[in-house]
């Protein structure tokens, strides 16, 4: 697993340069839509009942205001709509980058 070497806000995108030298660019609204939080993606109880979001909500105009590194495995983005509960693992961010290609 490669880790971010640098994260920057470039226009309406989040740019990540990874330790392996690769770079990925994520539209800010896309990151908000793909937030791996229960609020956005929903969650299931032990019986399989689903609660909360279903991952289909759109967030046009939402921007990233900042971020925190979480341990050695994830980034927590702070969005302009107040959302900040999703932890984006490095592997998940790389997967999202592949979906944008």
PDB file of N, CA and C in Angstrom:
ATOM      1  N   UNK A   1       0.854  -1.176   0.000  1.00  0.00           N
ATOM      2  CA  UNK A   1       0.000   0.000   0.000  1.00  0.00           C
ATOM      3  C   UNK A   1       0.896   1.234   0.000  1.00  0.00           C
ATOM      4  N   UNK A   2       0.632   2.117  -0.924  1.00  0.00           N
ATOM      5  CA  UNK A   2       1.362   3.371  -0.984  1.00  0.00           C
ATOM      6  C   UNK A   2       0.580   4.441  -0.235  1.00  0.00           C
ATOM      7  N   UNK A   3       1.259   5.395   0.334  1.00  0.00           N
ATOM      8  CA  UNK A   3       0.635   6.458   1.122  1.00  0.00           C
ATOM      9  C   UNK A   3       0.786   7.791   0.395  1.00  0.00           C
ATOM     10  N   UNK A   4      -0.087   8.748   0.719  1.00  0.00           N
ATOM     11  CA  UNK A   4       0.057  10.074   0.122  1.00  0.00           C
ATOM     12  C   UNK A   4       1.353  10.742   0.584  1.00  0.00           C
ATOM     13  N   UNK A   5       2.032  11.338  -0.364  1.00  0.00           N
ATOM     14  CA  UNK A   5       3.212  12.143  -0.048  1.00  0.00           C
ATOM     15  C   UNK A   5       2.807  13.603   0.119  1.00  0.00           C
ATOM     16  N   UNK A   6       1.817  14.020  -0.692  1.00  0.00           N
ATOM     17  CA  UNK A   6       1.325  15.393  -0.630  1.00  0.00           C
ATOM     18  C   UNK A   6      -0.128  15.422  -1.084  1.00  0.00           C
ATOM     19  N   UNK A   7      -0.937  16.248  -0.398  1.00  0.00           N
ATOM     20  CA  UNK A   7      -2.327  16.486  -0.791  1.00  0.00           C
ATOM     21  C   UNK A   7      -2.479  17.987  -0.970  1.00  0.00           C
ATOM     22  N   UNK A   8      -3.142  18.368  -2.063  1.00  0.00           N
ATOM     23  CA  UNK A   8      -3.346  19.792  -2.338  1.00  0.00           C
ATOM     24  C   UNK A   8      -4.717  20.001  -2.956  1.00  0.00           C
ATOM     25  N   UNK A   9      -5.275  21.171  -2.722  1.00  0.00           N
ATOM     26  CA  UNK A   9      -6.523  21.575  -3.358  1.00  0.00           C
ATOM     27  C   UNK A   9      -6.164  22.376  -4.593  1.00  0.00           C
ATOM     28  N   UNK A  10      -6.628  21.916  -5.746  1.00  0.00           N
ATOM     29  CA  UNK A  10      -6.318  22.553  -7.026  1.00  0.00           C
ATOM     30  C   UNK A  10      -7.639  22.839  -7.729  1.00  0.00           C
ATOM     31  N   UNK A  11      -8.052  24.089  -7.706  1.00  0.00           N
ATOM     32  CA  UNK A  11      -9.356  24.425  -8.277  1.00  0.00           C
ATOM     33  C   UNK A  11     -10.444  23.704  -7.508  1.00  0.00           C
ATOM     34  N   UNK A  12     -11.232  22.890  -8.209  1.00  0.00           N
ATOM     35  CA  UNK A  12     -12.314  22.129  -7.578  1.00  0.00           C
ATOM     36  C   UNK A  12     -11.962  20.647  -7.502  1.00  0.00           C
ATOM     37  N   UNK A  13     -10.658  20.377  -7.428  1.00  0.00           N
ATOM     38  CA  UNK A  13     -10.179  19.002  -7.306  1.00  0.00           C
ATOM     39  C   UNK A  13      -9.224  18.872  -6.124  1.00  0.00           C
ATOM     40  N   UNK A  14      -9.123  17.644  -5.637  1.00  0.00           N
ATOM     41  CA  UNK A  14      -8.114  17.288  -4.644  1.00  0.00           C
ATOM     42  C   UNK A  14      -7.037  16.516  -5.395  1.00  0.00           C
ATOM     43  N   UNK A  15      -5.816  16.998  -5.319  1.00  0.00           N
ATOM     44  CA  UNK A  15      -4.687  16.330  -5.966  1.00  0.00           C
ATOM     45  C   UNK A  15      -3.897  15.577  -4.907  1.00  0.00           C
ATOM     46  N   UNK A  16      -3.585  14.318  -5.210  1.00  0.00           N
ATOM     47  CA  UNK A  16      -2.773  13.518  -4.294  1.00  0.00           C
ATOM     48  C   UNK A  16      -1.569  12.990  -5.063  1.00  0.00           C
ATOM     49  N   UNK A  17      -0.386  13.303  -4.539  1.00  0.00           N
ATOM     50  CA  UNK A  17       0.837  12.699  -5.054  1.00  0.00           C
ATOM     51  C   UNK A  17       1.192  11.596  -4.068  1.00  0.00           C
ATOM     52  N   UNK A  18       1.326  10.394  -4.604  1.00  0.00           N
ATOM     53  CA  UNK A  18       1.585   9.214  -3.788  1.00  0.00           C
ATOM     54  C   UNK A  18       3.078   8.963  -3.664  1.00  0.00           C
ATOM     55  N   UNK A  19       3.469   8.238  -2.642  1.00  0.00           N
ATOM     56  CA  UNK A  19       4.889   7.950  -2.407  1.00  0.00           C
ATOM     57  C   UNK A  19       5.529   7.181  -3.554  1.00  0.00           C
ATOM     58  N   UNK A  20       4.728   6.472  -4.352  1.00  0.00           N
ATOM     59  CA  UNK A  20       5.291   5.744  -5.488  1.00  0.00           C
ATOM     60  C   UNK A  20       5.495   6.640  -6.708  1.00  0.00           C
ATOM     61  N   UNK A  21       5.188   7.959  -6.559  1.00  0.00           N
ATOM     62  CA  UNK A  21       5.387   8.913  -7.642  1.00  0.00           C
ATOM     63  C   UNK A  21       4.156   9.164  -8.502  1.00  0.00           C
ATOM     64  N   UNK A  22       3.121   8.349  -8.354  1.00  0.00           N
ATOM     65  CA  UNK A  22       1.909   8.570  -9.141  1.00  0.00           C
ATOM     66  C   UNK A  22       1.104   9.734  -8.569  1.00  0.00           C
ATOM     67  N   UNK A  23       0.228  10.287  -9.392  1.00  0.00           N
ATOM     68  CA  UNK A  23      -0.633  11.387  -8.974  1.00  0.00           C
ATOM     69  C   UNK A  23      -2.063  11.074  -9.394  1.00  0.00           C
ATOM     70  N   UNK A  24      -3.010  11.436  -8.535  1.00  0.00           N
ATOM     71  CA  UNK A  24      -4.429  11.274  -8.841  1.00  0.00           C
ATOM     72  C   UNK A  24      -5.150  12.573  -8.521  1.00  0.00           C
ATOM     73  N   UNK A  25      -6.201  12.851  -9.291  1.00  0.00           N
ATOM     74  CA  UNK A  25      -6.991  14.064  -9.124  1.00  0.00           C
ATOM     75  C   UNK A  25      -8.456  13.671  -8.965  1.00  0.00           C
ATOM     76  N   UNK A  26      -9.090  14.173  -7.913  1.00  0.00           N
ATOM     77  CA  UNK A  26     -10.455  13.805  -7.571  1.00  0.00           C
ATOM     78  C   UNK A  26     -11.339  15.052  -7.535  1.00  0.00           C
ATOM     79  N   UNK A  27     -12.406  15.092  -8.329  1.00  0.00           N
ATOM     80  CA  UNK A  27     -13.352  16.196  -8.181  1.00  0.00           C
ATOM     81  C   UNK A  27     -13.907  16.192  -6.750  1.00  0.00           C
ATOM     82  N   UNK A  28     -13.995  17.350  -6.141  1.00  0.00           N
ATOM     83  CA  UNK A  28     -14.419  17.433  -4.744  1.00  0.00           C
ATOM     84  C   UNK A  28     -15.819  16.867  -4.533  1.00  0.00           C
ATOM     85  N   UNK A  29     -16.752  17.176  -5.444  1.00  0.00           N
ATOM     86  CA  UNK A  29     -18.116  16.661  -5.294  1.00  0.00           C
ATOM     87  C   UNK A  29     -18.133  15.142  -5.391  1.00  0.00           C
ATOM     88  N   UNK A  30     -17.242  14.563  -6.208  1.00  0.00           N
ATOM     89  CA  UNK A  30     -17.145  13.111  -6.357  1.00  0.00           C
ATOM     90  C   UNK A  30     -16.707  12.472  -5.037  1.00  0.00           C
ATOM     91  N   UNK A  31     -15.727  13.064  -4.378  1.00  0.00           N
ATOM     92  CA  UNK A  31     -15.301  12.536  -3.076  1.00  0.00           C
ATOM     93  C   UNK A  31     -16.447  12.571  -2.070  1.00  0.00           C
ATOM     94  N   UNK A  32     -17.222  13.655  -2.086  1.00  0.00           N
ATOM     95  CA  UNK A  32     -18.362  13.738  -1.155  1.00  0.00           C
ATOM     96  C   UNK A  32     -19.388  12.656  -1.470  1.00  0.00           C
ATOM     97  N   UNK A  33     -19.647  12.430  -2.755  1.00  0.00           N
ATOM     98  CA  UNK A  33     -20.607  11.406  -3.159  1.00  0.00           C
ATOM     99  C   UNK A  33     -20.145  10.009  -2.783  1.00  0.00           C
ATOM    100  N   UNK A  34     -18.842   9.783  -2.769  1.00  0.00           N
ATOM    101  CA  UNK A  34     -18.280   8.464  -2.500  1.00  0.00           C
ATOM    102  C   UNK A  34     -17.781   8.313  -1.065  1.00  0.00           C
ATOM    103  N   UNK A  35     -18.127   9.258  -0.202  1.00  0.00           N
ATOM    104  CA  UNK A  35     -17.687   9.174   1.192  1.00  0.00           C
ATOM    105  C   UNK A  35     -18.100   7.830   1.791  1.00  0.00           C
ATOM    106  N   UNK A  36     -17.157   7.099   2.373  1.00  0.00           N
ATOM    107  CA  UNK A  36     -17.470   5.775   2.924  1.00  0.00           C
ATOM    108  C   UNK A  36     -18.082   5.841   4.324  1.00  0.00           C
ATOM    109  N   UNK A  37     -18.926   6.821   4.553  1.00  0.00           N
ATOM    110  CA  UNK A  37     -19.568   6.978   5.861  1.00  0.00           C
ATOM    111  C   UNK A  37     -20.936   6.295   5.854  1.00  0.00           C
ATOM    112  N   UNK A  38     -21.415   5.965   7.025  1.00  0.00           N
ATOM    113  CA  UNK A  38     -22.756   5.394   7.140  1.00  0.00           C
ATOM    114  C   UNK A  38     -23.802   6.394   6.664  1.00  0.00           C
ATOM    115  N   UNK A  39     -23.549   7.668   6.879  1.00  0.00           N
ATOM    116  CA  UNK A  39     -24.470   8.718   6.457  1.00  0.00           C
ATOM    117  C   UNK A  39     -24.674   8.705   4.945  1.00  0.00           C
ATOM    118  N   UNK A  40     -23.620   8.475   4.200  1.00  0.00           N
ATOM    119  CA  UNK A  40     -23.679   8.495   2.745  1.00  0.00           C
ATOM    120  C   UNK A  40     -23.996   7.124   2.156  1.00  0.00           C
ATOM    121  N   UNK A  41     -23.307   6.089   2.629  1.00  0.00           N
ATOM    122  CA  UNK A  41     -23.434   4.751   2.067  1.00  0.00           C
ATOM    123  C   UNK A  41     -24.465   3.882   2.777  1.00  0.00           C
ATOM    124  N   UNK A  42     -24.902   4.318   3.950  1.00  0.00           N
ATOM    125  CA  UNK A  42     -25.817   3.498   4.730  1.00  0.00           C
ATOM    126  C   UNK A  42     -25.043   2.443   5.507  1.00  0.00           C
ATOM    127  N   UNK A  43     -25.771   1.712   6.326  1.00  0.00           N
ATOM    128  CA  UNK A  43     -25.166   0.630   7.081  1.00  0.00           C
ATOM    129  C   UNK A  43     -26.220  -0.427   7.336  1.00  0.00           C
ATOM    130  N   UNK A  44     -25.774  -1.642   7.582  1.00  0.00           N
ATOM    131  CA  UNK A  44     -26.684  -2.752   7.824  1.00  0.00           C
ATOM    132  C   UNK A  44     -26.535  -3.246   9.250  1.00  0.00           C
ATOM    133  N   UNK A  45     -27.671  -3.687   9.825  1.00  0.00           N
ATOM    134  CA  UNK A  45     -27.603  -4.282  11.151  1.00  0.00           C
ATOM    135  C   UNK A  45     -27.309  -5.775  11.011  1.00  0.00           C
ATOM    136  N   UNK A  46     -27.286  -6.478  12.107  1.00  0.00           N
ATOM    137  CA  UNK A  46     -26.951  -7.907  12.089  1.00  0.00           C
ATOM    138  C   UNK A  46     -27.953  -8.743  11.306  1.00  0.00           C
ATOM    139  N   UNK A  47     -29.165  -8.247  11.143  1.00  0.00           N
ATOM    140  CA  UNK A  47     -30.195  -8.980  10.403  1.00  0.00           C
ATOM    141  C   UNK A  47     -30.227  -8.611   8.924  1.00  0.00           C
ATOM    142  N   UNK A  48     -29.328  -7.711   8.515  1.00  0.00           N
ATOM    143  CA  UNK A  48     -29.263  -7.314   7.118  1.00  0.00           C
ATOM    144  C   UNK A  48     -30.163  -6.159   6.742  1.00  0.00           C
ATOM    145  N   UNK A  49     -30.834  -5.558   7.724  1.00  0.00           N
ATOM    146  CA  UNK A  49     -31.667  -4.383   7.451  1.00  0.00           C
ATOM    147  C   UNK A  49     -30.766  -3.187   7.194  1.00  0.00           C
ATOM    148  N   UNK A  50     -31.057  -2.464   6.126  1.00  0.00           N
ATOM    149  CA  UNK A  50     -30.225  -1.328   5.729  1.00  0.00           C
ATOM    150  C   UNK A  50     -30.823  -0.028   6.264  1.00  0.00           C
ATOM    151  N   UNK A  51     -29.952   0.823   6.785  1.00  0.00           N
ATOM    152  CA  UNK A  51     -30.352   2.114   7.328  1.00  0.00           C
ATOM    153  C   UNK A  51     -29.467   3.205   6.738  1.00  0.00           C
ATOM    154  N   UNK A  52     -30.048   4.373   6.512  1.00  0.00           N
ATOM    155  CA  UNK A  52     -29.255   5.503   6.044  1.00  0.00           C
ATOM    156  C   UNK A  52     -29.119   5.543   4.542  1.00  0.00           C
ATOM    157  N   UNK A  53     -28.122   6.292   4.103  1.00  0.00           N
ATOM    158  CA  UNK A  53     -27.894   6.548   2.683  1.00  0.00           C
ATOM    159  C   UNK A  53     -27.680   5.297   1.866  1.00  0.00           C
ATOM    160  N   UNK A  54     -27.836   5.454   0.569  1.00  0.00           N
ATOM    161  CA  UNK A  54     -27.657   4.324  -0.341  1.00  0.00           C
ATOM    162  C   UNK A  54     -26.529   4.558  -1.346  1.00  0.00           C
ATOM    163  N   UNK A  55     -25.759   5.631  -1.166  1.00  0.00           N
ATOM    164  CA  UNK A  55     -24.624   5.892  -2.044  1.00  0.00           C
ATOM    165  C   UNK A  55     -24.980   6.521  -3.372  1.00  0.00           C
ATOM    166  N   UNK A  56     -26.226   6.960  -3.539  1.00  0.00           N
ATOM    167  CA  UNK A  56     -26.626   7.537  -4.823  1.00  0.00           C
ATOM    168  C   UNK A  56     -26.832   9.054  -4.765  1.00  0.00           C
ATOM    169  N   UNK A  57     -26.692   9.648  -3.603  1.00  0.00           N
ATOM    170  CA  UNK A  57     -26.905  11.098  -3.466  1.00  0.00           C
ATOM    171  C   UNK A  57     -25.845  11.872  -4.251  1.00  0.00           C
ATOM    172  N   UNK A  58     -26.246  13.002  -4.791  1.00  0.00           N
ATOM    173  CA  UNK A  58     -25.345  13.895  -5.524  1.00  0.00           C
ATOM    174  C   UNK A  58     -25.104  15.140  -4.679  1.00  0.00           C
ATOM    175  N   UNK A  59     -23.924  15.711  -4.790  1.00  0.00           N
ATOM    176  CA  UNK A  59     -23.549  16.871  -3.995  1.00  0.00           C
ATOM    177  C   UNK A  59     -22.883  17.934  -4.868  1.00  0.00           C
ATOM    178  N   UNK A  60     -23.618  18.472  -5.847  1.00  0.00           N
ATOM    179  CA  UNK A  60     -23.018  19.496  -6.712  1.00  0.00           C
ATOM    180  C   UNK A  60     -22.625  20.725  -5.896  1.00  0.00           C
ATOM    181  N   UNK A  61     -21.473  21.258  -6.195  1.00  0.00           N
ATOM    182  CA  UNK A  61     -21.017  22.471  -5.532  1.00  0.00           C
ATOM    183  C   UNK A  61     -20.325  22.270  -4.203  1.00  0.00           C
ATOM    184  N   UNK A  62     -20.363  21.056  -3.651  1.00  0.00           N
ATOM    185  CA  UNK A  62     -19.682  20.809  -2.374  1.00  0.00           C
ATOM    186  C   UNK A  62     -18.180  20.798  -2.622  1.00  0.00           C
ATOM    187  N   UNK A  63     -17.449  21.435  -1.732  1.00  0.00           N
ATOM    188  CA  UNK A  63     -15.993  21.501  -1.857  1.00  0.00           C
ATOM    189  C   UNK A  63     -15.323  20.889  -0.638  1.00  0.00           C
ATOM    190  N   UNK A  64     -14.043  20.632  -0.761  1.00  0.00           N
ATOM    191  CA  UNK A  64     -13.229  20.158   0.360  1.00  0.00           C
ATOM    192  C   UNK A  64     -12.578  21.385   0.987  1.00  0.00           C
ATOM    193  N   UNK A  65     -12.738  21.516   2.284  1.00  0.00           N
ATOM    194  CA  UNK A  65     -12.191  22.654   3.023  1.00  0.00           C
ATOM    195  C   UNK A  65     -10.886  22.311   3.739  1.00  0.00           C
ATOM    196  N   UNK A  66     -10.629  21.037   3.948  1.00  0.00           N
ATOM    197  CA  UNK A  66      -9.417  20.605   4.624  1.00  0.00           C
ATOM    198  C   UNK A  66      -9.435  19.100   4.808  1.00  0.00           C
ATOM    199  N   UNK A  67      -8.449  18.579   5.510  1.00  0.00           N
ATOM    200  CA  UNK A  67      -8.357  17.134   5.736  1.00  0.00           C
ATOM    201  C   UNK A  67      -7.444  16.870   6.916  1.00  0.00           C
ATOM    202  N   UNK A  68      -7.571  15.663   7.439  1.00  0.00           N
ATOM    203  CA  UNK A  68      -6.673  15.141   8.478  1.00  0.00           C
ATOM    204  C   UNK A  68      -6.174  13.786   8.023  1.00  0.00           C
ATOM    205  N   UNK A  69      -4.939  13.500   8.322  1.00  0.00           N
ATOM    206  CA  UNK A  69      -4.420  12.157   8.104  1.00  0.00           C
ATOM    207  C   UNK A  69      -4.850  11.322   9.314  1.00  0.00           C
ATOM    208  N   UNK A  70      -5.277  10.098   9.067  1.00  0.00           N
ATOM    209  CA  UNK A  70      -5.738   9.215  10.135  1.00  0.00           C
ATOM    210  C   UNK A  70      -4.808   8.006  10.178  1.00  0.00           C
ATOM    211  N   UNK A  71      -4.039   7.922  11.266  1.00  0.00           N
ATOM    212  CA  UNK A  71      -3.083   6.821  11.373  1.00  0.00           C
ATOM    213  C   UNK A  71      -2.197   6.769  10.153  1.00  0.00           C
ATOM    214  N   UNK A  72      -1.852   5.610   9.731  1.00  0.00           N
ATOM    215  CA  UNK A  72      -1.047   5.437   8.528  1.00  0.00           C
ATOM    216  C   UNK A  72      -1.838   4.782   7.430  1.00  0.00           C
ATOM    217  N   UNK A  73      -3.190   5.025   7.429  1.00  0.00           N
ATOM    218  CA  UNK A  73      -4.005   4.277   6.475  1.00  0.00           C
ATOM    219  C   UNK A  73      -5.130   5.066   5.807  1.00  0.00           C
ATOM    220  N   UNK A  74      -5.449   6.281   6.272  1.00  0.00           N
ATOM    221  CA  UNK A  74      -6.634   6.949   5.726  1.00  0.00           C
ATOM    222  C   UNK A  74      -6.525   8.470   5.787  1.00  0.00           C
ATOM    223  N   UNK A  75      -7.426   9.113   5.030  1.00  0.00           N
ATOM    224  CA  UNK A  75      -7.574  10.563   5.025  1.00  0.00           C
ATOM    225  C   UNK A  75      -9.027  10.871   5.385  1.00  0.00           C
ATOM    226  N   UNK A  76      -9.212  11.845   6.259  1.00  0.00           N
ATOM    227  CA  UNK A  76     -10.548  12.317   6.621  1.00  0.00           C
ATOM    228  C   UNK A  76     -10.711  13.710   6.011  1.00  0.00           C
ATOM    229  N   UNK A  77     -11.587  13.816   5.008  1.00  0.00           N
ATOM    230  CA  UNK A  77     -11.830  15.104   4.363  1.00  0.00           C
ATOM    231  C   UNK A  77     -12.910  15.874   5.110  1.00  0.00           C
ATOM    232  N   UNK A  78     -12.788  17.198   5.109  1.00  0.00           N
ATOM    233  CA  UNK A  78     -13.776  18.098   5.688  1.00  0.00           C
ATOM    234  C   UNK A  78     -14.442  18.839   4.530  1.00  0.00           C
ATOM    235  N   UNK A  79     -15.742  18.604   4.357  1.00  0.00           N
ATOM    236  CA  UNK A  79     -16.477  19.149   3.227  1.00  0.00           C
ATOM    237  C   UNK A  79     -17.239  20.415   3.606  1.00  0.00           C
ATOM    238  N   UNK A  80     -17.531  21.233   2.596  1.00  0.00           N
ATOM    239  CA  UNK A  80     -18.194  22.521   2.831  1.00  0.00           C
ATOM    240  C   UNK A  80     -19.614  22.374   3.365  1.00  0.00           C
ATOM    241  N   UNK A  81     -20.232  21.203   3.217  1.00  0.00           N
ATOM    242  CA  UNK A  81     -21.577  20.999   3.768  1.00  0.00           C
ATOM    243  C   UNK A  81     -21.538  20.492   5.207  1.00  0.00           C
ATOM    244  N   UNK A  82     -20.339  20.460   5.809  1.00  0.00           N
ATOM    245  CA  UNK A  82     -20.189  20.046   7.198  1.00  0.00           C
ATOM    246  C   UNK A  82     -19.892  18.564   7.376  1.00  0.00           C
ATOM    247  N   UNK A  83     -19.964  17.791   6.318  1.00  0.00           N
ATOM    248  CA  UNK A  83     -19.708  16.351   6.417  1.00  0.00           C
ATOM    249  C   UNK A  83     -18.212  16.100   6.649  1.00  0.00           C
ATOM    250  N   UNK A  84     -17.888  15.191   7.572  1.00  0.00           N
ATOM    251  CA  UNK A  84     -16.476  14.839   7.794  1.00  0.00           C
ATOM    252  C   UNK A  84     -16.311  13.474   8.452  1.00  0.00           C
ATOM    253  N   UNK A  85     -17.329  12.620   8.362  1.00  0.00           N
ATOM    254  CA  UNK A  85     -17.246  11.345   9.078  1.00  0.00           C
ATOM    255  C   UNK A  85     -16.697  10.186   8.256  1.00  0.00           C
ATOM    256  N   UNK A  86     -16.504  10.354   6.968  1.00  0.00           N
ATOM    257  CA  UNK A  86     -15.977   9.263   6.152  1.00  0.00           C
ATOM    258  C   UNK A  86     -14.459   9.198   6.223  1.00  0.00           C
ATOM    259  N   UNK A  87     -13.933   8.009   6.466  1.00  0.00           N
ATOM    260  CA  UNK A  87     -12.483   7.805   6.447  1.00  0.00           C
ATOM    261  C   UNK A  87     -12.118   7.113   5.139  1.00  0.00           C
ATOM    262  N   UNK A  88     -11.384   7.814   4.304  1.00  0.00           N
ATOM    263  CA  UNK A  88     -10.987   7.309   2.994  1.00  0.00           C
ATOM    264  C   UNK A  88      -9.652   6.587   3.134  1.00  0.00           C
ATOM    265  N   UNK A  89      -9.690   5.265   3.160  1.00  0.00           N
ATOM    266  CA  UNK A  89      -8.435   4.518   3.231  1.00  0.00           C
ATOM    267  C   UNK A  89      -7.640   4.775   1.957  1.00  0.00           C
ATOM    268  N   UNK A  90      -6.330   4.602   2.038  1.00  0.00           N
ATOM    269  CA  UNK A  90      -5.494   4.816   0.859  1.00  0.00           C
ATOM    270  C   UNK A  90      -5.918   3.874  -0.263  1.00  0.00           C
ATOM    271  N   UNK A  91      -6.223   2.623   0.082  1.00  0.00           N
ATOM    272  CA  UNK A  91      -6.673   1.660  -0.933  1.00  0.00           C
ATOM    273  C   UNK A  91      -7.974   2.114  -1.585  1.00  0.00           C
ATOM    274  N   UNK A  92      -8.901   2.660  -0.785  1.00  0.00           N
ATOM    275  CA  UNK A  92     -10.175   3.125  -1.323  1.00  0.00           C
ATOM    276  C   UNK A  92      -9.951   4.309  -2.262  1.00  0.00           C
ATOM    277  N   UNK A  93      -9.063   5.228  -1.882  1.00  0.00           N
ATOM    278  CA  UNK A  93      -8.752   6.363  -2.755  1.00  0.00           C
ATOM    279  C   UNK A  93      -8.163   5.902  -4.087  1.00  0.00           C
ATOM    280  N   UNK A  94      -7.289   4.924  -4.054  1.00  0.00           N
ATOM    281  CA  UNK A  94      -6.733   4.401  -5.310  1.00  0.00           C
ATOM    282  C   UNK A  94      -7.818   3.740  -6.154  1.00  0.00           C
ATOM    283  N   UNK A  95      -8.744   3.044  -5.501  1.00  0.00           N
ATOM    284  CA  UNK A  95      -9.865   2.425  -6.216  1.00  0.00           C
ATOM    285  C   UNK A  95     -10.725   3.507  -6.872  1.00  0.00           C
ATOM    286  N   UNK A  96     -11.004   4.578  -6.150  1.00  0.00           N
ATOM    287  CA  UNK A  96     -11.782   5.683  -6.714  1.00  0.00           C
ATOM    288  C   UNK A  96     -11.066   6.303  -7.912  1.00  0.00           C
ATOM    289  N   UNK A  97      -9.758   6.443  -7.807  1.00  0.00           N
ATOM    290  CA  UNK A  97      -8.992   7.006  -8.929  1.00  0.00           C
ATOM    291  C   UNK A  97      -9.141   6.139 -10.174  1.00  0.00           C
ATOM    292  N   UNK A  98      -9.153   4.831  -9.979  1.00  0.00           N
ATOM    293  CA  UNK A  98      -9.357   3.923 -11.101  1.00  0.00           C
ATOM    294  C   UNK A  98     -10.728   4.084 -11.730  1.00  0.00           C
ATOM    295  N   UNK A  99     -11.737   4.386 -10.914  1.00  0.00           N
ATOM    296  CA  UNK A  99     -13.094   4.582 -11.424  1.00  0.00           C
ATOM    297  C   UNK A  99     -13.192   5.874 -12.243  1.00  0.00           C
ATOM    298  N   UNK A 100     -12.312   6.831 -11.972  1.00  0.00           N
ATOM    299  CA  UNK A 100     -12.319   8.096 -12.702  1.00  0.00           C
ATOM    300  C   UNK A 100     -11.588   8.004 -14.039  1.00  0.00           C
ATOM    301  N   UNK A 101     -10.771   7.000 -14.191  1.00  0.00           N
ATOM    302  CA  UNK A 101      -9.961   6.871 -15.419  1.00  0.00           C
ATOM    303  C   UNK A 101     -10.786   6.464 -16.601  1.00  0.00           C
TER     304      UNK A 101
END
